[in-house]
Amino acid sequence: MKDEYDLSQLKSRKNPYASKLKKPVTMRLGEDVIEYFKEMAEESGVPYQSLINLYLRDCVAQHRKIDISWQRTP
């Protein structure tokens, strides 16, 4: 191995993994939801935050939309 390297000839390029990076967000989730994913994490050996991300990614891929219908009470 050399003691020094000449990096002046090195060409820069975009990070090929930049589109795969994750952005930290703060979310308020119900305790039951967190517990559900933590139990799945224990069974599968996958971190619960990764499971939540995989589930949401699947929703995006399948173009799932939630039906929120508020019923009025008379």
N, C-alpha and C. Protein backbone atom coordinates (compact mmCIF):
# COMPACT_ATOMS: atom_id res chain seq x y z
N MET A 1 0.84 -1.18 0.00
CA MET A 1 0.00 0.00 0.00
C MET A 1 0.88 1.24 0.00
N LYS A 2 0.48 2.25 -0.72
CA LYS A 2 1.25 3.48 -0.79
C LYS A 2 1.03 4.31 0.47
N ASP A 3 2.02 5.14 0.78
CA ASP A 3 1.88 6.06 1.90
C ASP A 3 0.93 7.21 1.54
N GLU A 4 0.95 7.61 0.25
CA GLU A 4 0.10 8.69 -0.21
C GLU A 4 -0.53 8.32 -1.55
N TYR A 5 -1.72 8.83 -1.80
CA TYR A 5 -2.40 8.61 -3.07
C TYR A 5 -2.71 9.96 -3.70
N ASP A 6 -2.59 10.04 -5.02
CA ASP A 6 -2.91 11.26 -5.75
C ASP A 6 -4.37 11.18 -6.19
N LEU A 7 -5.25 11.92 -5.52
CA LEU A 7 -6.68 11.89 -5.82
C LEU A 7 -7.09 13.00 -6.78
N SER A 8 -6.13 13.79 -7.24
CA SER A 8 -6.46 14.90 -8.13
C SER A 8 -7.00 14.42 -9.48
N GLN A 9 -6.65 13.23 -9.89
CA GLN A 9 -7.10 12.69 -11.17
C GLN A 9 -8.42 11.90 -11.04
N LEU A 10 -8.89 11.77 -9.84
CA LEU A 10 -10.11 11.01 -9.58
C LEU A 10 -11.33 11.76 -10.09
N LYS A 11 -12.18 11.09 -10.86
CA LYS A 11 -13.40 11.71 -11.38
C LYS A 11 -14.54 11.48 -10.38
N SER A 12 -15.30 12.54 -10.14
CA SER A 12 -16.42 12.40 -9.22
C SER A 12 -17.63 11.84 -9.97
N ARG A 13 -18.49 11.18 -9.22
CA ARG A 13 -19.72 10.64 -9.79
C ARG A 13 -20.78 10.61 -8.71
N LYS A 14 -22.01 10.49 -9.13
CA LYS A 14 -23.13 10.46 -8.19
C LYS A 14 -23.08 9.17 -7.37
N ASN A 15 -23.57 9.27 -6.16
CA ASN A 15 -23.67 8.10 -5.31
C ASN A 15 -24.77 7.20 -5.86
N PRO A 16 -24.44 5.96 -6.27
CA PRO A 16 -25.47 5.08 -6.84
C PRO A 16 -26.51 4.63 -5.82
N TYR A 17 -26.21 4.80 -4.55
CA TYR A 17 -27.13 4.37 -3.50
C TYR A 17 -27.96 5.52 -2.94
N ALA A 18 -27.80 6.71 -3.50
CA ALA A 18 -28.49 7.89 -2.97
C ALA A 18 -30.00 7.73 -2.97
N SER A 19 -30.55 7.07 -3.97
CA SER A 19 -32.00 6.89 -4.03
C SER A 19 -32.49 5.89 -2.98
N LYS A 20 -31.59 5.11 -2.42
CA LYS A 20 -31.97 4.09 -1.43
C LYS A 20 -31.85 4.61 0.01
N LEU A 21 -31.32 5.83 0.17
CA LEU A 21 -31.14 6.36 1.50
C LEU A 21 -32.48 6.60 2.18
N LYS A 22 -32.48 6.49 3.49
CA LYS A 22 -33.71 6.70 4.24
C LYS A 22 -33.64 8.05 4.95
N LYS A 23 -34.80 8.66 5.08
CA LYS A 23 -34.90 9.95 5.74
C LYS A 23 -35.55 9.74 7.11
N PRO A 24 -34.91 10.21 8.17
CA PRO A 24 -35.52 10.05 9.49
C PRO A 24 -36.73 10.97 9.64
N VAL A 25 -37.82 10.41 10.17
CA VAL A 25 -39.03 11.18 10.43
C VAL A 25 -39.54 10.84 11.82
N THR A 26 -40.35 11.72 12.36
CA THR A 26 -41.01 11.46 13.63
C THR A 26 -42.48 11.22 13.36
N MET A 27 -42.98 10.10 13.86
CA MET A 27 -44.38 9.74 13.66
C MET A 27 -45.00 9.38 15.00
N ARG A 28 -46.26 9.68 15.14
CA ARG A 28 -46.99 9.25 16.33
C ARG A 28 -47.80 8.02 15.94
N LEU A 29 -47.42 6.89 16.52
CA LEU A 29 -48.09 5.62 16.24
C LEU A 29 -48.72 5.11 17.52
N GLY A 30 -49.84 4.42 17.36
CA GLY A 30 -50.49 3.82 18.52
C GLY A 30 -49.62 2.73 19.13
N GLU A 31 -49.74 2.58 20.44
CA GLU A 31 -48.96 1.55 21.13
C GLU A 31 -49.26 0.16 20.58
N ASP A 32 -50.52 -0.07 20.21
CA ASP A 32 -50.89 -1.38 19.68
C ASP A 32 -50.21 -1.64 18.33
N VAL A 33 -50.04 -0.61 17.53
CA VAL A 33 -49.37 -0.75 16.23
C VAL A 33 -47.90 -1.07 16.44
N ILE A 34 -47.27 -0.34 17.35
CA ILE A 34 -45.85 -0.59 17.62
C ILE A 34 -45.66 -2.00 18.17
N GLU A 35 -46.52 -2.41 19.08
CA GLU A 35 -46.42 -3.75 19.66
C GLU A 35 -46.59 -4.83 18.60
N TYR A 36 -47.53 -4.61 17.69
CA TYR A 36 -47.77 -5.56 16.60
C TYR A 36 -46.50 -5.76 15.77
N PHE A 37 -45.86 -4.67 15.37
CA PHE A 37 -44.66 -4.77 14.55
C PHE A 37 -43.47 -5.29 15.36
N LYS A 38 -43.42 -4.99 16.65
CA LYS A 38 -42.33 -5.52 17.48
C LYS A 38 -42.45 -7.03 17.63
N GLU A 39 -43.68 -7.53 17.76
CA GLU A 39 -43.89 -8.98 17.83
C GLU A 39 -43.48 -9.64 16.52
N MET A 40 -43.87 -9.03 15.40
CA MET A 40 -43.46 -9.56 14.10
C MET A 40 -41.94 -9.53 13.97
N ALA A 41 -41.31 -8.49 14.51
CA ALA A 41 -39.86 -8.36 14.45
C ALA A 41 -39.19 -9.50 15.21
N GLU A 42 -39.73 -9.83 16.37
CA GLU A 42 -39.17 -10.93 17.17
C GLU A 42 -39.27 -12.25 16.40
N GLU A 43 -40.40 -12.49 15.76
CA GLU A 43 -40.62 -13.73 15.02
C GLU A 43 -39.73 -13.83 13.79
N SER A 44 -39.55 -12.71 13.10
CA SER A 44 -38.84 -12.74 11.82
C SER A 44 -37.35 -12.42 11.93
N GLY A 45 -36.95 -11.76 13.04
CA GLY A 45 -35.55 -11.37 13.17
C GLY A 45 -35.21 -10.12 12.39
N VAL A 46 -36.24 -9.40 11.94
CA VAL A 46 -36.05 -8.15 11.19
C VAL A 46 -36.45 -7.01 12.12
N PRO A 47 -35.66 -5.93 12.21
CA PRO A 47 -36.04 -4.82 13.08
C PRO A 47 -37.43 -4.27 12.76
N TYR A 48 -38.16 -3.88 13.81
CA TYR A 48 -39.55 -3.48 13.61
C TYR A 48 -39.67 -2.25 12.72
N GLN A 49 -38.72 -1.33 12.77
CA GLN A 49 -38.80 -0.16 11.91
C GLN A 49 -38.63 -0.56 10.45
N SER A 50 -37.81 -1.56 10.20
CA SER A 50 -37.65 -2.07 8.83
C SER A 50 -38.94 -2.73 8.36
N LEU A 51 -39.62 -3.43 9.25
CA LEU A 51 -40.89 -4.06 8.88
C LEU A 51 -41.94 -3.00 8.53
N ILE A 52 -42.00 -1.95 9.32
CA ILE A 52 -42.94 -0.87 9.02
C ILE A 52 -42.61 -0.27 7.66
N ASN A 53 -41.32 -0.04 7.39
CA ASN A 53 -40.90 0.52 6.11
C ASN A 53 -41.27 -0.43 4.96
N LEU A 54 -41.05 -1.73 5.15
CA LEU A 54 -41.40 -2.70 4.11
C LEU A 54 -42.90 -2.71 3.84
N TYR A 55 -43.70 -2.62 4.91
CA TYR A 55 -45.14 -2.61 4.75
C TYR A 55 -45.60 -1.36 3.98
N LEU A 56 -45.06 -0.21 4.37
CA LEU A 56 -45.44 1.03 3.69
C LEU A 56 -44.95 1.03 2.24
N ARG A 57 -43.79 0.47 2.00
CA ARG A 57 -43.27 0.37 0.63
C ARG A 57 -44.19 -0.52 -0.23
N ASP A 58 -44.70 -1.59 0.38
CA ASP A 58 -45.63 -2.47 -0.34
C ASP A 58 -46.93 -1.73 -0.66
N CYS A 59 -47.39 -0.90 0.27
CA CYS A 59 -48.58 -0.08 0.02
C CYS A 59 -48.36 0.84 -1.17
N VAL A 60 -47.17 1.43 -1.25
CA VAL A 60 -46.84 2.31 -2.36
C VAL A 60 -46.81 1.52 -3.67
N ALA A 61 -46.17 0.37 -3.64
CA ALA A 61 -46.03 -0.44 -4.86
C ALA A 61 -47.38 -0.93 -5.37
N GLN A 62 -48.30 -1.22 -4.44
CA GLN A 62 -49.63 -1.73 -4.81
C GLN A 62 -50.65 -0.61 -4.99
N HIS A 63 -50.22 0.63 -4.81
CA HIS A 63 -51.10 1.80 -4.92
C HIS A 63 -52.31 1.67 -4.01
N ARG A 64 -52.08 1.17 -2.80
CA ARG A 64 -53.17 1.02 -1.84
C ARG A 64 -53.56 2.39 -1.31
N LYS A 65 -54.85 2.56 -1.14
CA LYS A 65 -55.37 3.80 -0.56
C LYS A 65 -56.34 3.42 0.55
N ILE A 66 -56.27 4.17 1.63
CA ILE A 66 -57.15 3.91 2.75
C ILE A 66 -58.49 4.60 2.52
N ASP A 67 -59.56 3.94 2.91
CA ASP A 67 -60.89 4.52 2.79
C ASP A 67 -61.28 5.09 4.15
N ILE A 68 -61.21 6.39 4.25
CA ILE A 68 -61.58 7.05 5.49
C ILE A 68 -62.95 7.68 5.30
N SER A 69 -63.92 7.08 5.92
CA SER A 69 -65.30 7.58 5.83
C SER A 69 -65.78 7.89 7.24
N TRP A 70 -65.99 9.14 7.50
CA TRP A 70 -66.50 9.54 8.80
C TRP A 70 -68.02 9.50 8.76
N GLN A 71 -68.61 8.67 9.60
CA GLN A 71 -70.06 8.56 9.64
C GLN A 71 -70.60 9.62 10.59
N ARG A 72 -71.62 10.31 10.11
CA ARG A 72 -72.25 11.31 10.94
C ARG A 72 -73.29 10.67 11.83
N THR A 73 -73.32 11.10 13.06
CA THR A 73 -74.36 10.62 13.97
C THR A 73 -75.45 11.67 14.04
N PRO A 74 -76.70 11.23 13.98
CA PRO A 74 -77.82 12.19 13.98
C PRO A 74 -77.97 12.92 15.27
